[in-house]
C-alpha atoms as a PDB file:
ATOM      1  CA  MET A   1       0.208  -0.123   0.065  1.00  0.00           C
ATOM      2  CA  THR A   2       3.072   2.318   0.030  1.00  0.00           C
ATOM      3  CA  LEU A   3       2.765   5.131  -2.812  1.00  0.00           C
ATOM      4  CA  GLY A   4       5.534   3.771  -4.848  1.00  0.00           C
ATOM      5  CA  ASN A   5       3.496   0.153  -5.050  1.00  0.00           C
ATOM      6  CA  ALA A   6       1.528  -1.033  -8.103  1.00  0.00           C
ATOM      7  CA  SER A   7      -0.825  -3.150  -6.105  1.00  0.00           C
ATOM      8  CA  ALA A   8      -2.249  -0.089  -3.926  1.00  0.00           C
ATOM      9  CA  PRO A   9      -5.309   0.952  -5.738  1.00  0.00           C
ATOM     10  CA  LYS A  10      -6.049   4.864  -6.186  1.00  0.00           C
ATOM     11  CA  VAL A  11      -9.358   4.170  -5.026  1.00  0.00           C
ATOM     12  CA  PHE A  12     -10.829   2.074  -2.146  1.00  0.00           C
ATOM     13  CA  ILE A  13     -14.388   1.099  -2.205  1.00  0.00           C
ATOM     14  CA  LEU A  14     -16.057   1.130   1.523  1.00  0.00           C
ATOM     15  CA  LEU A  15     -18.763  -1.492   0.801  1.00  0.00           C
ATOM     16  CA  GLY A  16     -20.059  -0.270   4.665  1.00  0.00           C
ATOM     17  CA  PHE A  17     -23.926  -1.672   5.005  1.00  0.00           C
ATOM     18  CA  SER A  18     -24.546  -1.818   0.986  1.00  0.00           C
ATOM     19  CA  SER A  19     -25.490  -5.677   1.441  1.00  0.00           C
ATOM     20  CA  TYR A  20     -28.519  -4.295   3.175  1.00  0.00           C
ATOM     21  CA  PRO A  21     -29.568  -1.854   1.028  1.00  0.00           C
ATOM     22  CA  TRP A  22     -32.987  -1.218   2.615  1.00  0.00           C
ATOM     23  CA  LEU A  23     -30.788  -0.066   5.886  1.00  0.00           C
ATOM     24  CA  GLU A  24     -28.730   2.725   4.358  1.00  0.00           C
ATOM     25  CA  MET A  25     -31.602   5.570   4.510  1.00  0.00           C
ATOM     26  CA  PRO A  26     -32.834   4.808   8.048  1.00  0.00           C
ATOM     27  CA  LEU A  27     -29.294   4.715   9.350  1.00  0.00           C
ATOM     28  CA  PHE A  28     -28.262   7.953   7.496  1.00  0.00           C
ATOM     29  CA  THR A  29     -31.090   9.551   9.628  1.00  0.00           C
ATOM     30  CA  VAL A  30     -29.696   7.963  12.931  1.00  0.00           C
ATOM     31  CA  VAL A  31     -26.287   8.610  12.008  1.00  0.00           C
ATOM     32  CA  LEU A  32     -26.910  11.918  11.133  1.00  0.00           C
ATOM     33  CA  VAL A  33     -28.753  12.740  14.586  1.00  0.00           C
ATOM     34  CA  ALA A  34     -26.190  10.762  16.627  1.00  0.00           C
ATOM     35  CA  TYR A  35     -23.404  13.068  14.901  1.00  0.00           C
ATOM     36  CA  ILE A  36     -25.201  16.418  15.613  1.00  0.00           C
ATOM     37  CA  CYS A  37     -25.926  15.535  18.923  1.00  0.00           C
ATOM     38  CA  THR A  38     -22.129  14.442  19.700  1.00  0.00           C
ATOM     39  CA  LEU A  39     -21.043  18.020  17.888  1.00  0.00           C
ATOM     40  CA  VAL A  40     -23.247  20.022  20.212  1.00  0.00           C
ATOM     41  CA  GLY A  41     -22.511  17.658  23.482  1.00  0.00           C
ATOM     42  CA  ASN A  42     -18.925  17.546  23.485  1.00  0.00           C
ATOM     43  CA  ILE A  43     -18.719  21.580  21.823  1.00  0.00           C
ATOM     44  CA  SER A  44     -20.948  22.148  25.154  1.00  0.00           C
ATOM     45  CA  ILE A  45     -18.710  20.898  27.731  1.00  0.00           C
ATOM     46  CA  ILE A  46     -15.571  22.353  26.237  1.00  0.00           C
ATOM     47  CA  MET A  47     -17.295  25.694  26.373  1.00  0.00           C
ATOM     48  CA  VAL A  48     -18.794  25.398  29.966  1.00  0.00           C
ATOM     49  CA  CYS A  49     -15.256  23.552  31.241  1.00  0.00           C
ATOM     50  CA  ARG A  50     -13.581  26.682  29.760  1.00  0.00           C
ATOM     51  CA  VAL A  51     -15.954  29.565  30.799  1.00  0.00           C
ATOM     52  CA  ASP A  52     -17.264  28.518  34.196  1.00  0.00           C
ATOM     53  CA  PRO A  53     -14.209  29.378  37.012  1.00  0.00           C
ATOM     54  CA  HIS A  54     -15.961  26.351  38.876  1.00  0.00           C
ATOM     55  CA  LEU A  55     -14.916  24.273  36.751  1.00  0.00           C
ATOM     56  CA  HIS A  56     -11.184  25.503  36.407  1.00  0.00           C
ATOM     57  CA  SER A  57      -9.749  22.046  37.873  1.00  0.00           C
ATOM     58  CA  PRO A  58      -8.022  19.162  36.605  1.00  0.00           C
ATOM     59  CA  MET A  59     -11.050  16.690  36.368  1.00  0.00           C
ATOM     60  CA  TYR A  60     -12.715  19.153  34.212  1.00  0.00           C
ATOM     61  CA  PHE A  61      -9.574  20.161  31.988  1.00  0.00           C
ATOM     62  CA  PHE A  62      -9.174  16.316  31.292  1.00  0.00           C
ATOM     63  CA  LEU A  63     -12.959  16.034  30.518  1.00  0.00           C
ATOM     64  CA  SER A  64     -12.463  18.966  28.029  1.00  0.00           C
ATOM     65  CA  ASN A  65      -9.705  16.953  26.511  1.00  0.00           C
ATOM     66  CA  LEU A  66     -11.877  14.216  26.474  1.00  0.00           C
ATOM     67  CA  SER A  67     -14.710  16.113  24.256  1.00  0.00           C
ATOM     68  CA  PHE A  68     -12.401  17.378  22.055  1.00  0.00           C
ATOM     69  CA  LEU A  69     -10.972  14.092  21.585  1.00  0.00           C
ATOM     70  CA  ASP A  70     -14.136  12.461  20.585  1.00  0.00           C
ATOM     71  CA  LEU A  71     -15.245  15.395  18.217  1.00  0.00           C
ATOM     72  CA  CYS A  72     -11.750  14.646  16.136  1.00  0.00           C
ATOM     73  CA  PHE A  73     -12.562  11.113  16.552  1.00  0.00           C
ATOM     74  CA  ILE A  74     -16.010  11.174  15.290  1.00  0.00           C
ATOM     75  CA  THR A  75     -15.138  13.686  12.153  1.00  0.00           C
ATOM     76  CA  THR A  76     -12.755  11.445  11.515  1.00  0.00           C
ATOM     77  CA  THR A  77     -14.973   8.567  10.097  1.00  0.00           C
ATOM     78  CA  ILE A  78     -18.483   9.858  10.159  1.00  0.00           C
ATOM     79  CA  PRO A  79     -18.936  12.180   7.715  1.00  0.00           C
ATOM     80  CA  GLN A  80     -17.575   9.968   4.901  1.00  0.00           C
ATOM     81  CA  LEU A  81     -20.084   7.399   6.589  1.00  0.00           C
ATOM     82  CA  LEU A  82     -22.940   9.766   5.990  1.00  0.00           C
ATOM     83  CA  LEU A  83     -21.877  10.326   2.403  1.00  0.00           C
ATOM     84  CA  ASN A  84     -21.525   6.411   1.754  1.00  0.00           C
ATOM     85  CA  LEU A  85     -25.299   5.823   3.089  1.00  0.00           C
ATOM     86  CA  TRP A  86     -26.255   9.091   1.095  1.00  0.00           C
ATOM     87  CA  GLY A  87     -25.679   8.053  -2.694  1.00  0.00           C
ATOM     88  CA  PRO A  88     -24.765   5.088  -4.699  1.00  0.00           C
ATOM     89  CA  ASP A  89     -20.889   6.378  -4.334  1.00  0.00           C
ATOM     90  CA  LYS A  90     -18.942   4.486  -2.223  1.00  0.00           C
ATOM     91  CA  SER A  91     -15.291   5.559  -3.120  1.00  0.00           C
ATOM     92  CA  ILE A  92     -12.437   6.794  -1.119  1.00  0.00           C
ATOM     93  CA  SER A  93      -9.332   8.184  -2.593  1.00  0.00           C
ATOM     94  CA  TYR A  94      -6.235   6.223  -1.440  1.00  0.00           C
ATOM     95  CA  GLY A  95      -5.216   9.402   0.260  1.00  0.00           C
ATOM     96  CA  GLY A  96      -8.351   9.642   2.466  1.00  0.00           C
ATOM     97  CA  CYS A  97      -8.133   6.290   3.202  1.00  0.00           C
ATOM     98  CA  VAL A  98      -4.397   6.345   4.565  1.00  0.00           C
ATOM     99  CA  THR A  99      -4.840   9.421   6.228  1.00  0.00           C
ATOM    100  CA  GLN A 100      -8.487   7.926   7.933  1.00  0.00           C
ATOM    101  CA  PHE A 101      -6.498   5.148   9.653  1.00  0.00           C
ATOM    102  CA  TYR A 102      -3.923   6.973  10.351  1.00  0.00           C
ATOM    103  CA  LEU A 103      -6.381   9.606  12.548  1.00  0.00           C
ATOM    104  CA  PHE A 104      -8.277   6.838  13.490  1.00  0.00           C
ATOM    105  CA  HIS A 105      -5.768   4.581  15.457  1.00  0.00           C
ATOM    106  CA  PHE A 106      -4.088   7.955  16.763  1.00  0.00           C
ATOM    107  CA  LEU A 107      -7.168   9.372  18.061  1.00  0.00           C
ATOM    108  CA  GLY A 108      -8.423   5.947  19.491  1.00  0.00           C
ATOM    109  CA  ALA A 109      -4.861   5.122  21.447  1.00  0.00           C
ATOM    110  CA  THR A 110      -4.810   8.501  22.740  1.00  0.00           C
ATOM    111  CA  GLU A 111      -8.648   8.049  24.419  1.00  0.00           C
ATOM    112  CA  CYS A 112      -7.566   4.473  25.926  1.00  0.00           C
ATOM    113  CA  ILE A 113      -4.269   6.463  27.921  1.00  0.00           C
ATOM    114  CA  LEU A 114      -6.406   9.729  28.538  1.00  0.00           C
ATOM    115  CA  LEU A 115      -9.360   7.265  30.088  1.00  0.00           C
ATOM    116  CA  ALA A 116      -6.353   5.972  32.615  1.00  0.00           C
ATOM    117  CA  VAL A 117      -5.166   9.247  33.256  1.00  0.00           C
ATOM    118  CA  MET A 118      -8.746  10.491  34.529  1.00  0.00           C
ATOM    119  CA  SER A 119      -8.766   7.397  36.904  1.00  0.00           C
ATOM    120  CA  VAL A 120      -5.706   7.924  38.155  1.00  0.00           C
ATOM    121  CA  ASP A 121      -7.060  11.341  38.744  1.00  0.00           C
ATOM    122  CA  ARG A 122     -10.189  10.516  41.061  1.00  0.00           C
ATOM    123  CA  TYR A 123      -7.653   8.158  42.966  1.00  0.00           C
ATOM    124  CA  ILE A 124      -5.431  11.155  44.077  1.00  0.00           C
ATOM    125  CA  ALA A 125      -8.565  13.015  44.414  1.00  0.00           C
ATOM    126  CA  ILE A 126     -10.114  10.811  46.677  1.00  0.00           C
ATOM    127  CA  CYS A 127      -7.825   8.777  48.181  1.00  0.00           C
ATOM    128  CA  LYS A 128      -5.168  11.698  48.727  1.00  0.00           C
ATOM    129  CA  PRO A 129      -7.094  14.891  48.941  1.00  0.00           C
ATOM    130  CA  LEU A 130      -5.032  17.129  51.022  1.00  0.00           C
ATOM    131  CA  ARG A 131      -2.155  16.506  48.265  1.00  0.00           C
ATOM    132  CA  TYR A 132      -4.400  16.847  45.348  1.00  0.00           C
ATOM    133  CA  PRO A 133      -3.503  20.286  44.575  1.00  0.00           C
ATOM    134  CA  THR A 134      -0.175  20.095  45.037  1.00  0.00           C
ATOM    135  CA  ILE A 135       0.097  16.740  43.050  1.00  0.00           C
ATOM    136  CA  MET A 136      -2.293  17.916  40.439  1.00  0.00           C
ATOM    137  CA  CYS A 137      -0.887  21.060  39.496  1.00  0.00           C
ATOM    138  CA  GLN A 138      -1.637  22.707  35.867  1.00  0.00           C
ATOM    139  CA  HIS A 139       2.022  21.874  34.827  1.00  0.00           C
ATOM    140  CA  PHE A 140       1.506  18.378  35.907  1.00  0.00           C
ATOM    141  CA  CYS A 141      -1.859  18.030  34.218  1.00  0.00           C
ATOM    142  CA  VAL A 142      -0.423  19.511  31.037  1.00  0.00           C
ATOM    143  CA  LEU A 143       2.782  17.133  31.004  1.00  0.00           C
ATOM    144  CA  LEU A 144      -0.285  14.525  31.284  1.00  0.00           C
ATOM    145  CA  VAL A 145      -2.256  15.196  28.519  1.00  0.00           C
ATOM    146  CA  SER A 146       0.836  15.747  26.152  1.00  0.00           C
ATOM    147  CA  ILE A 147       1.933  12.409  26.760  1.00  0.00           C
ATOM    148  CA  THR A 148      -1.149  11.037  25.874  1.00  0.00           C
ATOM    149  CA  TRP A 149      -1.509  12.532  23.067  1.00  0.00           C
ATOM    150  CA  PHE A 150       2.204  11.765  22.235  1.00  0.00           C
ATOM    151  CA  SER A 151       1.502   8.034  22.991  1.00  0.00           C
ATOM    152  CA  GLY A 152      -0.968   8.155  20.601  1.00  0.00           C
ATOM    153  CA  LEU A 153       1.039   9.048  18.293  1.00  0.00           C
ATOM    154  CA  ALA A 154       3.438   6.960  18.280  1.00  0.00           C
ATOM    155  CA  ASN A 155       1.018   3.890  18.243  1.00  0.00           C
ATOM    156  CA  SER A 156      -0.687   5.586  15.141  1.00  0.00           C
ATOM    157  CA  LEU A 157       2.907   5.712  13.355  1.00  0.00           C
ATOM    158  CA  LEU A 158       3.834   1.863  14.365  1.00  0.00           C
ATOM    159  CA  GLN A 159       0.629   0.143  13.562  1.00  0.00           C
ATOM    160  CA  SER A 160      -0.416   2.164  10.341  1.00  0.00           C
ATOM    161  CA  SER A 161       3.342   2.370   8.808  1.00  0.00           C
ATOM    162  CA  LEU A 162       3.466  -1.434   8.906  1.00  0.00           C
ATOM    163  CA  THR A 163      -0.157  -1.667   7.567  1.00  0.00           C
ATOM    164  CA  VAL A 164       0.605   0.739   4.592  1.00  0.00           C
ATOM    165  CA  GLN A 165       3.592  -1.767   3.757  1.00  0.00           C
ATOM    166  CA  LEU A 166       1.148  -4.968   2.848  1.00  0.00           C
ATOM    167  CA  PRO A 167       0.847  -5.488  -0.575  1.00  0.00           C
ATOM    168  CA  LEU A 168      -3.309  -5.540  -1.820  1.00  0.00           C
ATOM    169  CA  CYS A 169      -2.709  -7.261  -5.482  1.00  0.00           C
ATOM    170  CA  GLY A 170      -5.445  -4.682  -6.455  1.00  0.00           C
ATOM    171  CA  ASN A 171      -7.772  -5.458  -4.008  1.00  0.00           C
ATOM    172  CA  ASN A 172      -9.649  -2.017  -3.427  1.00  0.00           C
ATOM    173  CA  LYS A 173     -12.649  -3.441  -1.938  1.00  0.00           C
ATOM    174  CA  VAL A 174     -13.027  -2.572   2.256  1.00  0.00           C
ATOM    175  CA  ASP A 175     -15.497  -4.706   4.076  1.00  0.00           C
ATOM    176  CA  ASN A 176     -16.760  -1.776   6.211  1.00  0.00           C
ATOM    177  CA  PHE A 177     -17.371   1.490   6.538  1.00  0.00           C
ATOM    178  CA  LEU A 178     -14.143   3.162   7.320  1.00  0.00           C
ATOM    179  CA  CYS A 179     -10.504   2.058   6.908  1.00  0.00           C
ATOM    180  CA  GLU A 180      -9.429   0.906  10.114  1.00  0.00           C
ATOM    181  CA  VAL A 181      -6.133  -1.199  10.530  1.00  0.00           C
ATOM    182  CA  PRO A 182      -7.443  -4.605  11.334  1.00  0.00           C
ATOM    183  CA  VAL A 183      -9.816  -4.451   8.241  1.00  0.00           C
ATOM    184  CA  MET A 184      -7.009  -3.607   6.082  1.00  0.00           C
ATOM    185  CA  ILE A 185      -4.561  -6.007   7.198  1.00  0.00           C
ATOM    186  CA  LYS A 186      -7.131  -8.594   6.347  1.00  0.00           C
ATOM    187  CA  MET A 187      -7.307  -7.227   2.574  1.00  0.00           C
ATOM    188  CA  SER A 188      -3.331  -8.409   1.987  1.00  0.00           C
ATOM    189  CA  CYS A 189      -2.490 -10.769  -0.485  1.00  0.00           C
ATOM    190  CA  VAL A 190       0.321 -11.972   1.699  1.00  0.00           C
ATOM    191  CA  ASP A 191       1.244 -13.800   4.847  1.00  0.00           C
ATOM    192  CA  ILE A 192      -0.309 -11.805   7.720  1.00  0.00           C
ATOM    193  CA  THR A 193       0.596 -13.493  10.897  1.00  0.00           C
ATOM    194  CA  PHE A 194       3.599 -11.014  11.884  1.00  0.00           C
ATOM    195  CA  ASN A 195       0.950  -7.713  11.529  1.00  0.00           C
ATOM    196  CA  MET A 196      -2.019  -9.474  13.580  1.00  0.00           C
ATOM    197  CA  THR A 197       0.590 -10.489  16.034  1.00  0.00           C
ATOM    198  CA  MET A 198       2.044  -7.036  16.289  1.00  0.00           C
ATOM    199  CA  LEU A 199      -1.964  -5.658  16.320  1.00  0.00           C
ATOM    200  CA  SER A 200      -2.404  -7.885  19.530  1.00  0.00           C
ATOM    201  CA  ILE A 201       0.901  -6.690  21.187  1.00  0.00           C
ATOM    202  CA  VAL A 202       0.181  -3.362  20.644  1.00  0.00           C
ATOM    203  CA  GLY A 203      -3.670  -3.784  21.680  1.00  0.00           C
ATOM    204  CA  ILE A 204      -2.906  -5.301  24.744  1.00  0.00           C
ATOM    205  CA  PHE A 205      -0.590  -2.548  25.958  1.00  0.00           C
ATOM    206  CA  TYR A 206      -2.721   0.243  24.839  1.00  0.00           C
ATOM    207  CA  SER A 207      -5.882  -1.375  26.003  1.00  0.00           C
ATOM    208  CA  LEU A 208      -4.997  -4.199  28.946  1.00  0.00           C
ATOM    209  CA  VAL A 209      -2.313  -1.848  30.411  1.00  0.00           C
ATOM    210  CA  PRO A 210      -4.517   1.224  31.059  1.00  0.00           C
ATOM    211  CA  LEU A 211      -7.432  -0.671  31.862  1.00  0.00           C
ATOM    212  CA  SER A 212      -5.078  -2.139  34.527  1.00  0.00           C
ATOM    213  CA  PHE A 213      -4.701   1.546  36.151  1.00  0.00           C
ATOM    214  CA  ILE A 214      -7.929   1.998  36.309  1.00  0.00           C
ATOM    215  CA  PHE A 215      -9.197  -1.621  37.660  1.00  0.00           C
ATOM    216  CA  VAL A 216      -6.439  -0.541  40.401  1.00  0.00           C
ATOM    217  CA  SER A 217      -7.400   3.205  41.298  1.00  0.00           C
ATOM    218  CA  TYR A 218     -10.817   2.293  41.409  1.00  0.00           C
ATOM    219  CA  ALA A 219     -10.260  -0.867  43.996  1.00  0.00           C
ATOM    220  CA  PHE A 220      -8.493   2.075  46.155  1.00  0.00           C
ATOM    221  CA  ILE A 221     -11.101   4.327  45.860  1.00  0.00           C
ATOM    222  CA  ILE A 222     -13.710   1.929  46.613  1.00  0.00           C
ATOM    223  CA  ALA A 223     -11.862   0.682  49.514  1.00  0.00           C
ATOM    224  CA  SER A 224     -11.287   4.331  50.579  1.00  0.00           C
ATOM    225  CA  VAL A 225     -14.918   5.670  50.379  1.00  0.00           C
ATOM    226  CA  LEU A 226     -16.177   2.701  51.984  1.00  0.00           C
ATOM    227  CA  ARG A 227     -14.195   3.998  54.709  1.00  0.00           C
ATOM    228  CA  ILE A 228     -15.991   7.498  54.378  1.00  0.00           C
ATOM    229  CA  LYS A 229     -18.918   7.451  57.637  1.00  0.00           C
ATOM    230  CA  SER A 230     -20.754   9.873  55.947  1.00  0.00           C
ATOM    231  CA  SER A 231     -23.487   8.518  53.575  1.00  0.00           C
ATOM    232  CA  GLU A 232     -23.956  11.835  51.584  1.00  0.00           C
ATOM    233  CA  GLY A 233     -19.822  11.492  51.032  1.00  0.00           C
ATOM    234  CA  LYS A 234     -19.945   8.086  49.690  1.00  0.00           C
ATOM    235  CA  LYS A 235     -22.851   9.365  47.338  1.00  0.00           C
ATOM    236  CA  LYS A 236     -20.657  12.012  46.178  1.00  0.00           C
ATOM    237  CA  ALA A 237     -17.682  10.199  45.726  1.00  0.00           C
ATOM    238  CA  PHE A 238     -19.623   7.263  43.793  1.00  0.00           C
ATOM    239  CA  ASN A 239     -21.451   9.633  41.655  1.00  0.00           C
ATOM    240  CA  THR A 240     -18.137  11.566  40.554  1.00  0.00           C
ATOM    241  CA  CYS A 241     -16.444   8.399  39.459  1.00  0.00           C
ATOM    242  CA  GLY A 242     -19.739   6.476  38.200  1.00  0.00           C
ATOM    243  CA  SER A 243     -19.431   8.687  35.107  1.00  0.00           C
ATOM    244  CA  HIS A 244     -16.185   7.589  34.347  1.00  0.00           C
ATOM    245  CA  VAL A 245     -16.393   3.938  34.929  1.00  0.00           C
ATOM    246  CA  MET A 246     -19.683   4.047  32.586  1.00  0.00           C
ATOM    247  CA  VAL A 247     -17.337   5.941  29.678  1.00  0.00           C
ATOM    248  CA  VAL A 248     -14.714   3.236  30.424  1.00  0.00           C
ATOM    249  CA  SER A 249     -17.223   0.637  30.154  1.00  0.00           C
ATOM    250  CA  LEU A 250     -18.378   1.516  26.554  1.00  0.00           C
ATOM    251  CA  PHE A 251     -15.112   2.219  25.135  1.00  0.00           C
ATOM    252  CA  TYR A 252     -13.040  -0.621  26.364  1.00  0.00           C
ATOM    253  CA  GLY A 253     -15.434  -3.546  25.565  1.00  0.00           C
ATOM    254  CA  PRO A 254     -15.543  -3.127  21.713  1.00  0.00           C
ATOM    255  CA  VAL A 255     -11.914  -1.968  21.320  1.00  0.00           C
ATOM    256  CA  ILE A 256     -10.627  -5.065  23.013  1.00  0.00           C
ATOM    257  CA  SER A 257     -12.979  -7.143  20.919  1.00  0.00           C
ATOM    258  CA  MET A 258     -11.046  -5.453  17.972  1.00  0.00           C
ATOM    259  CA  TYR A 259      -7.819  -4.987  18.664  1.00  0.00           C
ATOM    260  CA  VAL A 260      -6.640  -7.420  21.691  1.00  0.00           C
ATOM    261  CA  GLN A 261      -7.834 -10.488  19.817  1.00  0.00           C
ATOM    262  CA  PRO A 262      -8.220  -9.982  16.466  1.00  0.00           C
ATOM    263  CA  SER A 263      -8.863 -12.616  13.802  1.00  0.00           C
ATOM    264  CA  ALA A 264      -8.389 -13.155  10.234  1.00  0.00           C
ATOM    265  CA  THR A 265     -11.814 -14.951  10.131  1.00  0.00           C
ATOM    266  CA  ASN A 266     -13.839 -12.561  12.373  1.00  0.00           C
ATOM    267  CA  SER A 267     -17.455 -11.918  10.777  1.00  0.00           C
ATOM    268  CA  GLN A 268     -17.077  -8.634   9.241  1.00  0.00           C
ATOM    269  CA  ASP A 269     -20.835  -7.764  10.093  1.00  0.00           C
ATOM    270  CA  LYS A 270     -19.721  -7.997  14.038  1.00  0.00           C
ATOM    271  CA  ASP A 271     -16.796  -5.817  13.011  1.00  0.00           C
ATOM    272  CA  LYS A 272     -18.954  -3.245  11.612  1.00  0.00           C
ATOM    273  CA  ILE A 273     -20.738  -2.842  14.415  1.00  0.00           C
ATOM    274  CA  MET A 274     -17.920  -2.999  16.828  1.00  0.00           C
ATOM    275  CA  SER A 275     -16.651   0.015  14.335  1.00  0.00           C
ATOM    276  CA  LEU A 276     -19.500   1.860  14.788  1.00  0.00           C
ATOM    277  CA  PHE A 277     -20.283   1.436  18.376  1.00  0.00           C
ATOM    278  CA  TYR A 278     -16.743   2.983  19.361  1.00  0.00           C
ATOM    279  CA  SER A 279     -16.474   5.501  16.353  1.00  0.00           C
ATOM    280  CA  LEU A 280     -20.009   6.663  16.786  1.00  0.00           C
ATOM    281  CA  VAL A 281     -22.074   5.741  19.632  1.00  0.00           C
ATOM    282  CA  THR A 282     -19.771   6.057  22.777  1.00  0.00           C
ATOM    283  CA  PRO A 283     -18.477   9.554  21.739  1.00  0.00           C
ATOM    284  CA  MET A 284     -22.170  10.758  21.533  1.00  0.00           C
ATOM    285  CA  LEU A 285     -22.933   9.144  24.772  1.00  0.00           C
ATOM    286  CA  ASN A 286     -19.969  10.470  26.775  1.00  0.00           C
ATOM    287  CA  PRO A 287     -21.602  13.970  26.968  1.00  0.00           C
ATOM    288  CA  PHE A 288     -24.507  13.164  28.230  1.00  0.00           C
ATOM    289  CA  ILE A 289     -23.145  10.616  30.983  1.00  0.00           C
ATOM    290  CA  TYR A 290     -20.931  13.382  32.331  1.00  0.00           C
ATOM    291  CA  THR A 291     -23.860  16.153  32.636  1.00  0.00           C
ATOM    292  CA  LEU A 292     -26.737  14.215  33.569  1.00  0.00           C
ATOM    293  CA  ARG A 293     -24.797  12.378  36.248  1.00  0.00           C
ATOM    294  CA  ASN A 294     -22.593  15.589  37.318  1.00  0.00           C
ATOM    295  CA  LYS A 295     -23.843  18.216  39.709  1.00  0.00           C
ATOM    296  CA  ASP A 296     -21.468  20.656  38.746  1.00  0.00           C
ATOM    297  CA  MET A 297     -21.692  20.172  35.184  1.00  0.00           C
ATOM    298  CA  LYS A 298     -25.550  20.536  35.366  1.00  0.00           C
ATOM    299  CA  GLY A 299     -25.223  23.740  37.145  1.00  0.00           C
ATOM    300  CA  ALA A 300     -22.740  24.898  35.025  1.00  0.00           C
ATOM    301  CA  MET A 301     -25.143  24.502  32.056  1.00  0.00           C
ATOM    302  CA  LYS A 302     -27.701  25.799  33.502  1.00  0.00           C
ATOM    303  CA  ARG A 303     -25.958  29.240  34.577  1.00  0.00           C
ATOM    304  CA  LEU A 304     -24.151  29.446  30.540  1.00  0.00           C
ATOM    305  CA  LEU A 305     -27.974  28.755  29.213  1.00  0.00           C
ATOM    306  CA  ILE A 306     -29.099  31.694  31.313  1.00  0.00           C
ATOM    307  CA  SER A 307     -26.255  34.045  30.640  1.00  0.00           C
ATOM    308  CA  LEU A 308     -26.823  33.439  26.820  1.00  0.00           C
ATOM    309  CA  CYS A 309     -30.950  34.417  27.292  1.00  0.00           C
ATOM    310  CA  ASN A 310     -29.862  37.515  29.035  1.00  0.00           C
ATOM    311  CA  ARG A 311     -27.379  38.483  26.629  1.00  0.00           C
ATOM    312  CA  ARG A 312     -29.619  38.141  23.962  1.00  0.00           C
ATOM    313  CA  ALA A 313     -32.867  39.788  25.819  1.00  0.00           C
ATOM    314  CA  GLU A 314     -30.679  42.616  26.762  1.00  0.00           C
ATOM    315  CA  GLN A 315     -29.451  43.079  22.907  1.00  0.00           C
ATOM    316  CA  MET A 316     -33.169  42.917  21.978  1.00  0.00           C
END
C-alpha cells in the first residue's frame, strides 16, 4: 500500500452496509442525528469547562480534553459514512483512506490512555485529598495530557506504517464503512501473521495496560469510599466516579474485541458493529453521561444558558 507500490489502488470502495440497501437511508438518519448530538454535546462541555470558573480544575481539564478528542475521533469517520449512506458512490481516495486510519488509530489510542489518566486523577482526589492540589498542579496536568497525545501518535505511526506497506494485489474493496487497521490487514494478499501478532501486542499495551491502571485506581477508591462515615459523602464520591466507569465500559469492550483478539476470520458484520459502536455511539453518549450524572456540570450548563438568554434579551 505504499505510494510506490503498484498493488496500491488509487481508490478504495467502502462496502459498508451496502449488503443491506434497505437499511442505508434509516441508518443515514440515525447517524446524522447522532453526529449532530455528539458535536453539540462535546462542544458544550468544552465551552462550559472554559468559561465557568467553578470548573477550572484538573478533573474538568481532562474532561474537556476527552470531549475535544471525541470531536476529532467522530469527525474522522462519520462524515465519510454519511456520504456513503446517502448515495451510490461508496469510494474513498487512497490518500483519504490512509489519512483516515492514521488519524483513527492516533485518536483511539490517545483516548485509551486518557481514560486511564482520568482514573488516576480521581484516585488522587479521593484517596489523597490533602495532597491533590499539590500533585495535580497545572504543569503536571498539561504534561500528562501531552504524554497521552504523543503516545497515541506513536501507536498510529507504528501500526499504520506496518499496515500501509502490505501489498493488496489490486484488492480495493474494504468490507467496512471506514479504513481501519484490522480491516486493511485482512485485505492483504500475503501472510499477515506478523501484522496480526503486532496488532494484538500493541492492542494489549494500549487497552489492557490502561484498563489495569483503571481497575487498580478504582479498587483503592472503593476501599477509601467505604471508610467514609457520611452516606452523603459516599454518594458524592460514587457519583463523581460513576460517569467515568460508564464511559470506560462503553469504550473498552468493543476495542478489546477488535484489537486484543483480532482474527482473520472474524465476522465482518460483527467488525462493522464494533467499529460503529466505538466510533459513533461512545462519543455521542460521553457528554450525556458526564452532564446528567454530574451536579457541577449541570449547574454550569444552567448558568451558561441563563447568561446567554440574558445577553440575548439585552440585545433585543
